Amino acid sequence: MNRVLMLRSLVPQARLNFSTSVRSQLESKIKEGQSKFQSDNGLPIHLKGGGFDTFTYATIMGLTVVGTALTCYSLFDYSMPKK
């Protein structure tokens, strides 16, 4: 019974530790992100994040091209009879 009373006394303390300033900071970050991604600057959505998004996109596209080329080469190589 003492543990239940002790836990009940901690609940109001836990509520006091969370403030509304944290919530407003999160809301401002969300609004900044929304304004960045909703701006009409001619970029597709997957490149609006900045330089890291551009680097990631270029790397993945390069790996895709290399993988496709290797697949085509392998298929061509396997289709030819060995001497």
N, C-alpha and C. Protein backbone atom coordinates (compact mmCIF):
# COMPACT_ATOMS: atom_id res chain seq x y z
N MET A 1 0.83 -1.19 0.00
CA MET A 1 0.00 0.00 0.00
C MET A 1 0.87 1.24 0.00
N ASN A 2 1.98 1.19 0.70
CA ASN A 2 2.85 2.34 0.75
C ASN A 2 3.42 2.67 -0.62
N ARG A 3 3.68 1.64 -1.43
CA ARG A 3 4.23 1.89 -2.77
C ARG A 3 3.21 2.61 -3.65
N VAL A 4 1.96 2.26 -3.51
CA VAL A 4 0.92 2.92 -4.30
C VAL A 4 0.82 4.38 -3.92
N LEU A 5 0.86 4.66 -2.65
CA LEU A 5 0.81 6.05 -2.20
C LEU A 5 2.04 6.82 -2.64
N MET A 6 3.18 6.16 -2.62
CA MET A 6 4.40 6.83 -3.05
C MET A 6 4.34 7.14 -4.55
N LEU A 7 3.83 6.20 -5.34
CA LEU A 7 3.71 6.44 -6.78
C LEU A 7 2.70 7.55 -7.07
N ARG A 8 1.62 7.59 -6.33
CA ARG A 8 0.63 8.65 -6.51
C ARG A 8 1.21 10.01 -6.18
N SER A 9 2.10 10.06 -5.23
CA SER A 9 2.71 11.35 -4.89
C SER A 9 3.71 11.78 -5.94
N LEU A 10 4.26 10.84 -6.72
CA LEU A 10 5.22 11.19 -7.76
C LEU A 10 4.56 11.69 -9.04
N VAL A 11 3.32 11.33 -9.28
CA VAL A 11 2.65 11.72 -10.52
C VAL A 11 2.55 13.24 -10.65
N PRO A 12 2.13 13.99 -9.64
CA PRO A 12 2.12 15.44 -9.81
C PRO A 12 3.52 16.01 -10.02
N GLN A 13 4.53 15.42 -9.41
CA GLN A 13 5.90 15.88 -9.61
C GLN A 13 6.32 15.67 -11.06
N ALA A 14 5.97 14.54 -11.63
CA ALA A 14 6.33 14.26 -13.02
C ALA A 14 5.64 15.24 -13.95
N ARG A 15 4.43 15.61 -13.66
CA ARG A 15 3.73 16.57 -14.50
C ARG A 15 4.36 17.95 -14.43
N LEU A 16 4.92 18.30 -13.30
CA LEU A 16 5.56 19.60 -13.17
C LEU A 16 6.87 19.68 -13.93
N ASN A 17 7.54 18.55 -14.11
CA ASN A 17 8.83 18.55 -14.79
C ASN A 17 8.72 18.83 -16.28
N PHE A 18 7.61 18.50 -16.90
CA PHE A 18 7.41 18.78 -18.31
C PHE A 18 6.81 20.17 -18.45
N SER A 19 7.48 20.99 -19.21
CA SER A 19 6.97 22.35 -19.36
C SER A 19 6.41 22.56 -20.76
N THR A 20 5.74 23.66 -20.96
CA THR A 20 5.18 23.96 -22.26
C THR A 20 6.22 24.56 -23.19
N SER A 21 7.37 24.98 -22.68
CA SER A 21 8.39 25.55 -23.55
C SER A 21 8.97 24.49 -24.48
N VAL A 22 9.08 23.27 -24.01
CA VAL A 22 9.56 22.18 -24.86
C VAL A 22 8.58 21.94 -25.99
N ARG A 23 7.32 21.97 -25.69
CA ARG A 23 6.30 21.77 -26.71
C ARG A 23 6.36 22.88 -27.76
N SER A 24 6.55 24.11 -27.33
CA SER A 24 6.61 25.21 -28.30
C SER A 24 7.88 25.13 -29.14
N GLN A 25 8.99 24.63 -28.56
CA GLN A 25 10.21 24.47 -29.35
C GLN A 25 10.00 23.40 -30.43
N LEU A 26 9.33 22.32 -30.08
CA LEU A 26 9.07 21.28 -31.06
C LEU A 26 8.14 21.78 -32.16
N GLU A 27 7.15 22.56 -31.79
CA GLU A 27 6.24 23.11 -32.79
C GLU A 27 6.97 24.05 -33.73
N SER A 28 7.92 24.83 -33.23
CA SER A 28 8.64 25.74 -34.12
C SER A 28 9.55 24.95 -35.06
N LYS A 29 10.16 23.86 -34.59
CA LYS A 29 10.98 23.03 -35.47
C LYS A 29 10.13 22.39 -36.56
N ILE A 30 8.95 21.96 -36.21
CA ILE A 30 8.06 21.34 -37.18
C ILE A 30 7.65 22.37 -38.23
N LYS A 31 7.34 23.57 -37.79
CA LYS A 31 6.94 24.62 -38.74
C LYS A 31 8.09 25.00 -39.65
N GLU A 32 9.33 25.02 -39.12
CA GLU A 32 10.49 25.30 -39.98
C GLU A 32 10.64 24.23 -41.04
N GLY A 33 10.52 22.96 -40.64
CA GLY A 33 10.63 21.87 -41.59
C GLY A 33 9.53 21.90 -42.64
N GLN A 34 8.32 22.21 -42.21
CA GLN A 34 7.22 22.29 -43.16
C GLN A 34 7.44 23.41 -44.16
N SER A 35 7.91 24.55 -43.70
CA SER A 35 8.13 25.67 -44.62
C SER A 35 9.26 25.35 -45.59
N LYS A 36 10.28 24.60 -45.13
CA LYS A 36 11.38 24.23 -46.02
C LYS A 36 10.91 23.27 -47.10
N PHE A 37 10.11 22.28 -46.73
CA PHE A 37 9.70 21.28 -47.69
C PHE A 37 8.52 21.73 -48.54
N GLN A 38 7.77 22.73 -48.11
CA GLN A 38 6.63 23.20 -48.91
C GLN A 38 6.99 24.37 -49.80
N SER A 39 8.22 24.89 -49.71
CA SER A 39 8.61 26.01 -50.55
C SER A 39 8.67 25.57 -52.01
N ASP A 40 8.33 26.49 -52.90
CA ASP A 40 8.31 26.20 -54.33
C ASP A 40 9.61 26.70 -54.94
N ASN A 41 10.67 25.86 -54.86
CA ASN A 41 11.96 26.26 -55.42
C ASN A 41 12.37 25.38 -56.59
N GLY A 42 11.48 24.58 -57.10
CA GLY A 42 11.75 23.77 -58.28
C GLY A 42 12.44 22.45 -58.01
N LEU A 43 12.80 22.17 -56.78
CA LEU A 43 13.45 20.90 -56.45
C LEU A 43 12.42 19.84 -56.10
N PRO A 44 12.70 18.60 -56.46
CA PRO A 44 11.80 17.53 -56.00
C PRO A 44 11.92 17.35 -54.50
N ILE A 45 10.93 16.73 -53.91
CA ILE A 45 10.85 16.63 -52.45
C ILE A 45 12.03 15.87 -51.88
N HIS A 46 12.57 14.89 -52.60
CA HIS A 46 13.67 14.09 -52.05
C HIS A 46 15.01 14.82 -52.10
N LEU A 47 15.08 16.02 -52.67
CA LEU A 47 16.32 16.78 -52.69
C LEU A 47 16.24 18.09 -51.90
N LYS A 48 15.12 18.35 -51.27
CA LYS A 48 14.94 19.60 -50.54
C LYS A 48 15.65 19.63 -49.19
N GLY A 49 16.19 18.50 -48.74
CA GLY A 49 16.84 18.43 -47.44
C GLY A 49 18.21 19.07 -47.42
N GLY A 50 18.82 19.29 -48.57
CA GLY A 50 20.14 19.92 -48.60
C GLY A 50 21.18 19.05 -49.26
N GLY A 51 22.43 19.33 -48.90
CA GLY A 51 23.57 18.65 -49.52
C GLY A 51 23.63 17.17 -49.24
N PHE A 52 23.27 16.76 -48.04
CA PHE A 52 23.32 15.34 -47.71
C PHE A 52 22.31 14.55 -48.52
N ASP A 53 21.14 15.13 -48.75
CA ASP A 53 20.14 14.46 -49.59
C ASP A 53 20.63 14.32 -51.02
N THR A 54 21.29 15.35 -51.52
CA THR A 54 21.83 15.30 -52.88
C THR A 54 22.90 14.23 -52.98
N PHE A 55 23.79 14.19 -52.00
CA PHE A 55 24.85 13.17 -51.98
C PHE A 55 24.26 11.77 -51.91
N THR A 56 23.29 11.57 -51.05
CA THR A 56 22.66 10.26 -50.91
C THR A 56 21.96 9.85 -52.20
N TYR A 57 21.26 10.77 -52.82
CA TYR A 57 20.56 10.48 -54.07
C TYR A 57 21.55 10.12 -55.17
N ALA A 58 22.62 10.89 -55.30
CA ALA A 58 23.62 10.61 -56.34
C ALA A 58 24.31 9.28 -56.10
N THR A 59 24.61 8.96 -54.85
CA THR A 59 25.26 7.68 -54.52
C THR A 59 24.36 6.51 -54.86
N ILE A 60 23.10 6.60 -54.49
CA ILE A 60 22.18 5.50 -54.76
C ILE A 60 21.95 5.34 -56.26
N MET A 61 21.84 6.45 -56.98
CA MET A 61 21.66 6.35 -58.43
C MET A 61 22.90 5.76 -59.08
N GLY A 62 24.09 6.11 -58.61
CA GLY A 62 25.32 5.53 -59.14
C GLY A 62 25.39 4.04 -58.89
N LEU A 63 25.05 3.63 -57.68
CA LEU A 63 25.04 2.20 -57.36
C LEU A 63 24.00 1.45 -58.19
N THR A 64 22.89 2.09 -58.46
CA THR A 64 21.86 1.47 -59.29
C THR A 64 22.36 1.25 -60.71
N VAL A 65 23.03 2.25 -61.26
CA VAL A 65 23.56 2.14 -62.62
C VAL A 65 24.64 1.05 -62.68
N VAL A 66 25.53 1.03 -61.70
CA VAL A 66 26.59 0.02 -61.67
C VAL A 66 25.97 -1.37 -61.51
N GLY A 67 25.00 -1.52 -60.65
CA GLY A 67 24.34 -2.82 -60.47
C GLY A 67 23.63 -3.28 -61.72
N THR A 68 22.98 -2.37 -62.41
CA THR A 68 22.30 -2.73 -63.65
C THR A 68 23.30 -3.15 -64.72
N ALA A 69 24.41 -2.42 -64.80
CA ALA A 69 25.45 -2.77 -65.78
C ALA A 69 26.05 -4.14 -65.48
N LEU A 70 26.33 -4.41 -64.22
CA LEU A 70 26.89 -5.72 -63.85
C LEU A 70 25.89 -6.85 -64.11
N THR A 71 24.62 -6.58 -63.87
CA THR A 71 23.60 -7.59 -64.15
C THR A 71 23.52 -7.88 -65.64
N CYS A 72 23.52 -6.85 -66.45
CA CYS A 72 23.47 -7.04 -67.90
C CYS A 72 24.71 -7.79 -68.38
N TYR A 73 25.88 -7.44 -67.86
CA TYR A 73 27.12 -8.13 -68.23
C TYR A 73 27.05 -9.61 -67.84
N SER A 74 26.58 -9.88 -66.64
CA SER A 74 26.48 -11.28 -66.18
C SER A 74 25.52 -12.07 -67.05
N LEU A 75 24.37 -11.50 -67.37
CA LEU A 75 23.42 -12.19 -68.24
C LEU A 75 24.01 -12.46 -69.62
N PHE A 76 24.72 -11.49 -70.16
CA PHE A 76 25.37 -11.67 -71.46
C PHE A 76 26.45 -12.75 -71.37
N ASP A 77 27.23 -12.73 -70.30
CA ASP A 77 28.31 -13.69 -70.12
C ASP A 77 27.75 -15.11 -69.96
N TYR A 78 26.67 -15.28 -69.21
CA TYR A 78 26.09 -16.59 -69.00
C TYR A 78 25.39 -17.12 -70.26
N SER A 79 24.97 -16.23 -71.14
CA SER A 79 24.26 -16.68 -72.33
C SER A 79 25.21 -17.15 -73.41
N MET A 80 26.48 -16.81 -73.32
CA MET A 80 27.47 -17.25 -74.31
C MET A 80 28.04 -18.59 -73.89
N PRO A 81 28.20 -19.51 -74.83
CA PRO A 81 28.78 -20.81 -74.48
C PRO A 81 30.26 -20.67 -74.14
N LYS A 82 30.71 -21.48 -73.22
CA LYS A 82 32.11 -21.47 -72.85
C LYS A 82 32.89 -22.31 -73.85
N LYS A 83 34.08 -21.89 -74.16
CA LYS A 83 34.90 -22.61 -75.14
C LYS A 83 35.75 -23.65 -74.46
